């Protein structure tokens, strides 16, 4: 019989997975906007960069949160 994972571990894995999905969506938005000829201030570029930053930031905080802070 398998042990049930702790809720904290499940939450951490779900946060990492959803953050990775946000990064992938950001890249897809960027690629789509660039393929359609969007300029540097196009809404798709701004949203894509924000999605990537939010997803990467969440992953960074999730990984850094496990370290001991002095």
C-alpha atoms as a PDB file:
ATOM      1  CA  UNK A   1       0.000   0.000   0.000  1.00  0.00           C
ATOM      2  CA  UNK A   2       1.342   3.456  -0.951  1.00  0.00           C
ATOM      3  CA  UNK A   3       1.644   6.244   1.559  1.00  0.00           C
ATOM      4  CA  UNK A   4      -0.506   9.316   1.009  1.00  0.00           C
ATOM      5  CA  UNK A   5       1.645  12.394   0.281  1.00  0.00           C
ATOM      6  CA  UNK A   6       1.582  15.200   2.793  1.00  0.00           C
ATOM      7  CA  UNK A   7      -0.684  18.126   1.863  1.00  0.00           C
ATOM      8  CA  UNK A   8       2.317  20.467   1.873  1.00  0.00           C
ATOM      9  CA  UNK A   9       4.126  18.297  -0.700  1.00  0.00           C
ATOM     10  CA  UNK A  10       1.031  18.112  -2.873  1.00  0.00           C
ATOM     11  CA  UNK A  11       0.602  21.885  -2.696  1.00  0.00           C
ATOM     12  CA  UNK A  12       4.245  22.475  -3.637  1.00  0.00           C
ATOM     13  CA  UNK A  13       4.004  20.166  -6.649  1.00  0.00           C
ATOM     14  CA  UNK A  14       0.747  21.747  -7.797  1.00  0.00           C
ATOM     15  CA  UNK A  15       2.225  25.239  -7.475  1.00  0.00           C
ATOM     16  CA  UNK A  16       5.265  24.244  -9.510  1.00  0.00           C
ATOM     17  CA  UNK A  17       3.130  22.573 -12.187  1.00  0.00           C
ATOM     18  CA  UNK A  18       0.764  25.532 -12.562  1.00  0.00           C
ATOM     19  CA  UNK A  19       3.708  27.930 -12.647  1.00  0.00           C
ATOM     20  CA  UNK A  20       5.278  25.910 -15.448  1.00  0.00           C
ATOM     21  CA  UNK A  21       1.972  26.065 -17.327  1.00  0.00           C
ATOM     22  CA  UNK A  22       2.021  29.866 -16.935  1.00  0.00           C
ATOM     23  CA  UNK A  23       5.528  30.017 -18.436  1.00  0.00           C
ATOM     24  CA  UNK A  24       4.481  27.816 -21.378  1.00  0.00           C
ATOM     25  CA  UNK A  25       1.388  29.967 -21.975  1.00  0.00           C
ATOM     26  CA  UNK A  26       3.546  33.095 -21.910  1.00  0.00           C
ATOM     27  CA  UNK A  27       5.895  31.640 -24.508  1.00  0.00           C
ATOM     28  CA  UNK A  28       2.916  30.622 -26.672  1.00  0.00           C
ATOM     29  CA  UNK A  29       1.415  34.119 -26.433  1.00  0.00           C
ATOM     30  CA  UNK A  30       4.756  35.657 -27.382  1.00  0.00           C
ATOM     31  CA  UNK A  31       5.248  33.313 -30.329  1.00  0.00           C
ATOM     32  CA  UNK A  32       1.723  33.888 -31.592  1.00  0.00           C
ATOM     33  CA  UNK A  33       2.052  37.650 -31.341  1.00  0.00           C
ATOM     34  CA  UNK A  34       5.421  37.703 -33.076  1.00  0.00           C
ATOM     35  CA  UNK A  35       4.158  35.382 -35.834  1.00  0.00           C
ATOM     36  CA  UNK A  36       1.322  37.817 -36.526  1.00  0.00           C
ATOM     37  CA  UNK A  37       3.697  40.773 -36.752  1.00  0.00           C
ATOM     38  CA  UNK A  38       3.200  42.322 -33.326  1.00  0.00           C
ATOM     39  CA  UNK A  39       5.517  45.135 -32.337  1.00  0.00           C
ATOM     40  CA  UNK A  40       7.371  45.586 -29.061  1.00  0.00           C
ATOM     41  CA  UNK A  41       4.417  47.296 -27.363  1.00  0.00           C
ATOM     42  CA  UNK A  42       1.731  44.925 -28.630  1.00  0.00           C
ATOM     43  CA  UNK A  43      -0.646  43.630 -25.983  1.00  0.00           C
ATOM     44  CA  UNK A  44       0.397  40.031 -26.724  1.00  0.00           C
ATOM     45  CA  UNK A  45       4.065  40.829 -26.108  1.00  0.00           C
ATOM     46  CA  UNK A  46       3.288  42.522 -22.813  1.00  0.00           C
ATOM     47  CA  UNK A  47       0.981  39.723 -21.653  1.00  0.00           C
ATOM     48  CA  UNK A  48       3.447  37.033 -22.729  1.00  0.00           C
ATOM     49  CA  UNK A  49       6.286  38.665 -20.828  1.00  0.00           C
ATOM     50  CA  UNK A  50       4.078  39.109 -17.752  1.00  0.00           C
ATOM     51  CA  UNK A  51       2.969  35.448 -17.841  1.00  0.00           C
ATOM     52  CA  UNK A  52       6.575  34.288 -18.134  1.00  0.00           C
ATOM     53  CA  UNK A  53       7.694  36.585 -15.321  1.00  0.00           C
ATOM     54  CA  UNK A  54       4.840  35.516 -13.038  1.00  0.00           C
ATOM     55  CA  UNK A  55       5.395  31.806 -13.651  1.00  0.00           C
ATOM     56  CA  UNK A  56       9.154  32.012 -13.289  1.00  0.00           C
ATOM     57  CA  UNK A  57       8.799  34.186 -10.192  1.00  0.00           C
ATOM     58  CA  UNK A  58       6.456  31.695  -8.553  1.00  0.00           C
ATOM     59  CA  UNK A  59       8.865  28.840  -9.296  1.00  0.00           C
ATOM     60  CA  UNK A  60      11.770  30.866  -7.900  1.00  0.00           C
ATOM     61  CA  UNK A  61       9.914  31.735  -4.699  1.00  0.00           C
ATOM     62  CA  UNK A  62       8.737  28.134  -4.310  1.00  0.00           C
ATOM     63  CA  UNK A  63      12.306  26.825  -4.609  1.00  0.00           C
ATOM     64  CA  UNK A  64      13.849  29.573  -2.450  1.00  0.00           C
ATOM     65  CA  UNK A  65      11.161  29.179   0.228  1.00  0.00           C
ATOM     66  CA  UNK A  66      12.505  25.766   1.200  1.00  0.00           C
ATOM     67  CA  UNK A  67      15.896  27.148   2.178  1.00  0.00           C
ATOM     68  CA  UNK A  68      16.675  28.289   5.669  1.00  0.00           C
ATOM     69  CA  UNK A  69      16.735  32.039   6.062  1.00  0.00           C
ATOM     70  CA  UNK A  70      19.019  33.649   8.600  1.00  0.00           C
END
